[in-house]
Amino acid sequence: MANKILETQKNIFRKIYSCQEYNLEIWREYLIQAILRLLRMEKGDVYLDIGCGSGYNIIEAAKKDIFSVGIDLSGEGIKKAKEFSRRVIDRNVYYIISNAECLPFKSQTFSKISNVQVLEHIENDTQAMGEMIRISKHKCRIFLSTINSIKNILLPLKPLFYIHEKKAGHVRGYMHEDIIKYFREKNFRFVDLLYYTHAIKLIQDVLCSFFPSLKRQKSKLWRKITALDYGFKNLRTGWTVAVVVEKN
């Protein structure tokens, strides 16, 4: 079962990594801004992005003189991340092929960690969270973004959400209370909570199927809708939930 899930995930991301150009789309720009802001990134930090994919989070953090390390299970993803880094900013970046359940780092190595859309793909999520805790320094902040529990999704959208999750190979969704409880028991304090990918994003996707130009970086409508989505950060019906915690 685990091998089947893993192969499904690899096929999905193989398509994503086929993109040839470094394209900081508006949705990605807003997400990275949220990560940088909530983690309080500053010069001198040692930052790890778990599930770095094509390296966007790493590259944008490195632009701010943050020493940044990215790990990903996909060799194609790491190859693409290195390629983009050479084009955009070939400094302060380092990439490793690794899985999230067994990180190849010494304990208490990183001052900032992000884990974006990874946990829902992992069978042993407790081990993956435990690894983040192990490698985190004192006062380390963690930005953990994952799929919301279907319990929180608007009733008319539950069937669509369920189909999407199965197609994406997601193992489970999460209640933010459970994530916060886990980290509190491990000597972390809760910092912030962010829900995004609300129903308005579905409307946005439908509009883009008819008007592809809306996806362009200069599209004011796309930017307004994305800003509105993040403005609903406390509305727990968003398809994605992000929890920020800090080590005591």
Protein backbone atom coordinates (compact mmCIF):
# COMPACT_ATOMS: atom_id res chain seq x y z
CA MET A 1 0.00 0.00 0.00
CA ALA A 2 2.79 2.41 0.98
CA ASN A 3 4.68 1.71 -2.26
CA LYS A 4 1.54 2.40 -4.31
CA ILE A 5 1.00 5.74 -2.55
CA LEU A 6 4.65 6.66 -3.03
CA GLU A 7 4.52 5.89 -6.75
CA THR A 8 1.34 7.97 -7.17
CA GLN A 9 3.03 10.90 -5.48
CA LYS A 10 6.17 10.60 -7.60
CA ASN A 11 4.11 10.65 -10.80
CA ILE A 12 2.27 13.80 -9.70
CA PHE A 13 5.43 15.69 -8.83
CA ARG A 14 7.28 14.48 -11.92
CA LYS A 15 4.81 16.52 -13.97
CA ILE A 16 5.34 19.57 -11.76
CA TYR A 17 9.12 19.37 -12.11
CA SER A 18 8.89 19.36 -15.91
CA CYS A 19 8.44 23.17 -15.82
CA GLN A 20 11.41 24.78 -17.56
CA GLU A 21 11.22 28.36 -16.26
CA TYR A 22 11.54 29.82 -12.76
CA ASN A 23 8.08 31.32 -12.41
CA LEU A 24 7.16 32.88 -9.07
CA GLU A 25 3.40 32.71 -9.53
CA ILE A 26 1.19 34.94 -7.40
CA TRP A 27 -0.10 32.10 -5.20
CA ARG A 28 3.47 30.99 -4.52
CA GLU A 29 4.59 34.56 -3.84
CA TYR A 30 1.91 34.98 -1.15
CA LEU A 31 2.79 31.65 0.45
CA ILE A 32 6.51 32.46 0.59
CA GLN A 33 5.75 35.88 2.06
CA ALA A 34 3.71 34.17 4.78
CA ILE A 35 6.52 31.71 5.52
CA LEU A 36 9.19 34.42 5.73
CA ARG A 37 6.98 36.66 7.88
CA LEU A 38 5.72 34.03 10.31
CA LEU A 39 9.12 32.40 10.74
CA ARG A 40 10.68 35.84 11.29
CA MET A 41 13.57 35.06 8.97
CA GLU A 42 16.71 37.09 9.57
CA LYS A 43 20.36 37.06 8.61
CA GLY A 44 22.22 34.41 10.58
CA ASP A 45 19.37 31.90 10.50
CA VAL A 46 19.95 28.36 9.26
CA TYR A 47 16.78 27.41 7.39
CA LEU A 48 15.50 24.00 6.30
CA ASP A 49 12.64 23.48 3.84
CA ILE A 50 11.32 19.92 4.02
CA GLY A 51 9.82 18.84 0.71
CA CYS A 52 11.49 21.70 -1.14
CA GLY A 53 10.38 20.57 -4.60
CA SER A 54 11.74 22.93 -7.24
CA GLY A 55 13.37 25.09 -4.58
CA TYR A 56 11.20 28.22 -4.61
CA ASN A 57 11.09 28.64 -0.81
CA ILE A 58 14.84 28.07 -0.60
CA ILE A 59 15.72 30.48 -3.40
CA GLU A 60 13.55 33.31 -2.08
CA ALA A 61 14.96 32.89 1.44
CA ALA A 62 18.52 32.82 0.08
CA LYS A 63 17.87 36.15 -1.63
CA LYS A 64 17.56 37.59 1.89
CA ASP A 65 21.00 36.21 2.84
CA ILE A 66 19.54 33.27 4.76
CA PHE A 67 21.62 30.07 4.58
CA SER A 68 19.01 27.68 3.21
CA VAL A 69 18.89 23.89 2.90
CA GLY A 70 16.25 22.00 0.95
CA ILE A 71 15.46 18.30 1.10
CA ASP A 72 13.13 16.34 -1.11
CA LEU A 73 12.46 12.69 -1.87
CA SER A 74 12.39 13.39 -5.61
CA GLY A 75 15.65 13.37 -7.54
CA GLU A 76 13.86 15.22 -10.35
CA GLY A 77 12.78 17.91 -7.90
CA ILE A 78 16.29 18.39 -6.49
CA LYS A 79 17.75 18.51 -10.00
CA LYS A 80 15.26 21.22 -10.98
CA ALA A 81 15.91 23.15 -7.74
CA LYS A 82 19.65 23.17 -8.43
CA GLU A 83 19.03 24.30 -12.00
CA PHE A 84 16.80 27.18 -10.87
CA SER A 85 19.28 28.16 -8.15
CA ARG A 86 22.11 28.43 -10.66
CA ARG A 87 19.97 30.75 -12.76
CA VAL A 88 18.54 32.91 -9.97
CA ILE A 89 20.92 32.97 -6.99
CA ASP A 90 23.79 30.52 -6.71
CA ARG A 91 24.67 31.21 -3.07
CA ASN A 92 23.35 30.31 0.39
CA VAL A 93 21.61 27.22 -1.05
CA TYR A 94 22.18 23.52 -0.52
CA TYR A 95 20.03 20.56 -1.59
CA ILE A 96 19.86 16.95 -0.42
CA ILE A 97 17.76 13.98 -1.55
CA SER A 98 16.15 12.63 1.61
CA ASN A 99 12.83 11.61 3.11
CA ALA A 100 11.19 13.49 5.95
CA GLU A 101 11.12 10.55 8.36
CA CYS A 102 14.91 10.22 8.59
CA LEU A 103 16.62 13.60 8.17
CA PRO A 104 20.41 13.46 7.57
CA PHE A 105 21.27 16.21 10.06
CA LYS A 106 22.64 16.44 13.58
CA SER A 107 20.29 17.35 16.41
CA GLN A 108 19.66 21.07 17.03
CA THR A 109 20.95 22.20 13.62
CA PHE A 110 18.27 24.57 12.31
CA SER A 111 16.81 27.84 13.61
CA LYS A 112 13.92 27.94 11.10
CA ILE A 113 12.04 25.06 9.45
CA SER A 114 9.20 24.90 6.94
CA ASN A 115 7.27 21.79 5.98
CA VAL A 116 4.76 22.62 3.25
CA GLN A 117 2.29 20.06 1.89
CA VAL A 118 4.39 17.07 2.94
CA LEU A 119 2.84 15.57 6.06
CA GLU A 120 -0.33 14.42 4.30
CA HIS A 121 1.80 12.27 1.97
CA ILE A 122 3.62 10.40 4.76
CA GLU A 123 2.49 7.14 6.36
CA ASN A 124 4.48 7.70 9.57
CA ASP A 125 3.69 11.35 10.20
CA THR A 126 4.59 11.15 13.90
CA GLN A 127 8.13 10.13 13.02
CA ALA A 128 8.40 12.99 10.51
CA MET A 129 7.27 15.53 13.12
CA GLY A 130 9.64 13.99 15.63
CA GLU A 131 12.53 14.52 13.22
CA MET A 132 11.67 18.21 12.89
CA ILE A 133 11.76 18.50 16.67
CA ARG A 134 15.09 16.67 16.90
CA ILE A 135 16.93 18.96 14.46
CA SER A 136 15.42 22.20 15.81
CA LYS A 137 17.50 24.59 17.89
CA HIS A 138 16.29 26.44 20.99
CA LYS A 139 13.72 29.06 19.89
CA CYS A 140 13.46 27.43 16.45
CA ARG A 141 10.24 28.29 14.62
CA ILE A 142 8.45 25.72 12.49
CA PHE A 143 5.93 26.53 9.74
CA LEU A 144 3.92 23.36 9.15
CA SER A 145 1.38 23.49 6.33
CA THR A 146 -0.80 20.53 5.44
CA ILE A 147 -4.25 19.47 4.27
CA ASN A 148 -7.25 20.36 6.41
CA SER A 149 -9.51 17.68 7.85
CA ILE A 150 -12.55 16.89 5.71
CA LYS A 151 -14.63 17.60 8.84
CA ASN A 152 -13.94 21.32 8.36
CA ILE A 153 -14.73 21.50 4.64
CA LEU A 154 -17.98 23.14 3.50
CA LEU A 155 -20.64 20.46 3.04
CA PRO A 156 -21.27 21.10 -0.71
CA LEU A 157 -17.52 20.81 -1.37
CA LYS A 158 -16.84 17.65 0.63
CA PRO A 159 -17.24 15.24 -2.37
CA LEU A 160 -14.89 17.36 -4.51
CA PHE A 161 -12.40 17.59 -1.64
CA TYR A 162 -12.51 13.82 -1.12
CA ILE A 163 -11.89 13.09 -4.81
CA HIS A 164 -9.05 15.60 -4.92
CA GLU A 165 -7.36 14.07 -1.87
CA LYS A 166 -7.53 10.54 -3.24
CA LYS A 167 -6.24 11.63 -6.64
CA ALA A 168 -3.33 13.49 -5.00
CA GLY A 169 -2.37 10.42 -2.97
CA HIS A 170 -2.96 12.10 0.37
CA VAL A 171 -3.05 9.76 3.35
CA ARG A 172 -4.98 12.02 5.74
CA GLY A 173 -6.04 15.55 6.65
CA TYR A 174 -5.48 17.33 9.97
CA MET A 175 -7.29 19.31 12.63
CA HIS A 176 -5.06 22.18 13.72
CA GLU A 177 -5.82 21.40 17.37
CA ASP A 178 -4.14 17.99 17.01
CA ILE A 179 -0.98 19.47 15.52
CA ILE A 180 -0.75 22.14 18.21
CA LYS A 181 -1.34 19.57 20.96
CA TYR A 182 1.45 17.34 19.63
CA PHE A 183 4.02 20.15 19.60
CA ARG A 184 2.95 21.52 22.98
CA GLU A 185 3.63 18.11 24.48
CA LYS A 186 7.14 18.34 22.99
CA ASN A 187 7.94 21.68 24.66
CA PHE A 188 6.84 24.01 21.85
CA ARG A 189 4.55 27.00 22.14
CA PHE A 190 1.83 27.94 19.66
CA VAL A 191 2.58 31.10 17.61
CA ASP A 192 0.05 31.46 14.80
CA LEU A 193 -2.53 29.75 12.62
CA LEU A 194 -3.35 30.26 8.96
CA TYR A 195 -6.09 28.73 6.81
CA TYR A 196 -5.91 29.25 3.05
CA THR A 197 -7.17 27.74 -0.24
CA HIS A 198 -10.77 28.68 0.50
CA ALA A 199 -13.75 28.24 -1.83
CA ILE A 200 -12.89 31.51 -3.57
CA LYS A 201 -9.80 29.79 -4.99
CA LEU A 202 -12.04 27.27 -6.75
CA ILE A 203 -13.85 30.16 -8.42
CA GLN A 204 -10.46 31.53 -9.39
CA ASP A 205 -9.47 28.23 -11.01
CA VAL A 206 -12.71 28.10 -12.99
CA LEU A 207 -12.16 31.66 -14.24
CA CYS A 208 -8.61 30.77 -15.29
CA SER A 209 -9.84 27.85 -17.38
CA PHE A 210 -11.70 30.41 -19.51
CA PHE A 211 -9.25 33.30 -19.14
CA PRO A 212 -5.68 31.90 -18.86
CA SER A 213 -4.25 35.42 -18.80
CA LEU A 214 -5.53 35.78 -15.22
CA LYS A 215 -2.60 33.62 -14.08
CA ARG A 216 -0.05 36.13 -15.26
CA GLN A 217 2.12 37.80 -12.63
CA LYS A 218 0.68 41.23 -13.47
CA SER A 219 -2.96 40.12 -13.17
CA LYS A 220 -4.60 42.47 -10.65
CA LEU A 221 -7.69 40.26 -10.33
CA TRP A 222 -5.63 37.14 -9.53
CA ARG A 223 -3.66 39.09 -6.93
CA LYS A 224 -6.84 40.48 -5.33
CA ILE A 225 -8.43 37.04 -5.09
CA THR A 226 -5.28 35.57 -3.58
CA ALA A 227 -5.08 38.42 -1.06
CA LEU A 228 -8.74 37.82 -0.19
CA ASP A 229 -8.05 34.12 0.32
CA TYR A 230 -5.27 34.91 2.81
CA GLY A 231 -7.52 37.51 4.42
CA PHE A 232 -9.77 34.64 5.52
CA LYS A 233 -6.88 33.13 7.52
CA ASN A 234 -9.08 32.38 10.55
CA LEU A 235 -11.86 30.70 8.56
CA ARG A 236 -11.29 27.00 9.16
CA THR A 237 -13.06 25.85 5.97
CA GLY A 238 -9.92 26.46 3.89
CA TRP A 239 -8.52 23.33 2.24
CA THR A 240 -5.06 24.02 3.67
CA VAL A 241 -4.03 24.75 7.24
CA ALA A 242 -0.68 26.08 8.48
CA VAL A 243 0.45 26.02 12.10
CA VAL A 244 3.45 27.97 13.40
CA VAL A 245 5.14 26.83 16.61
CA GLU A 246 8.31 27.81 18.47
CA LYS A 247 10.59 25.68 20.61
CA ASN A 248 10.79 26.76 24.26
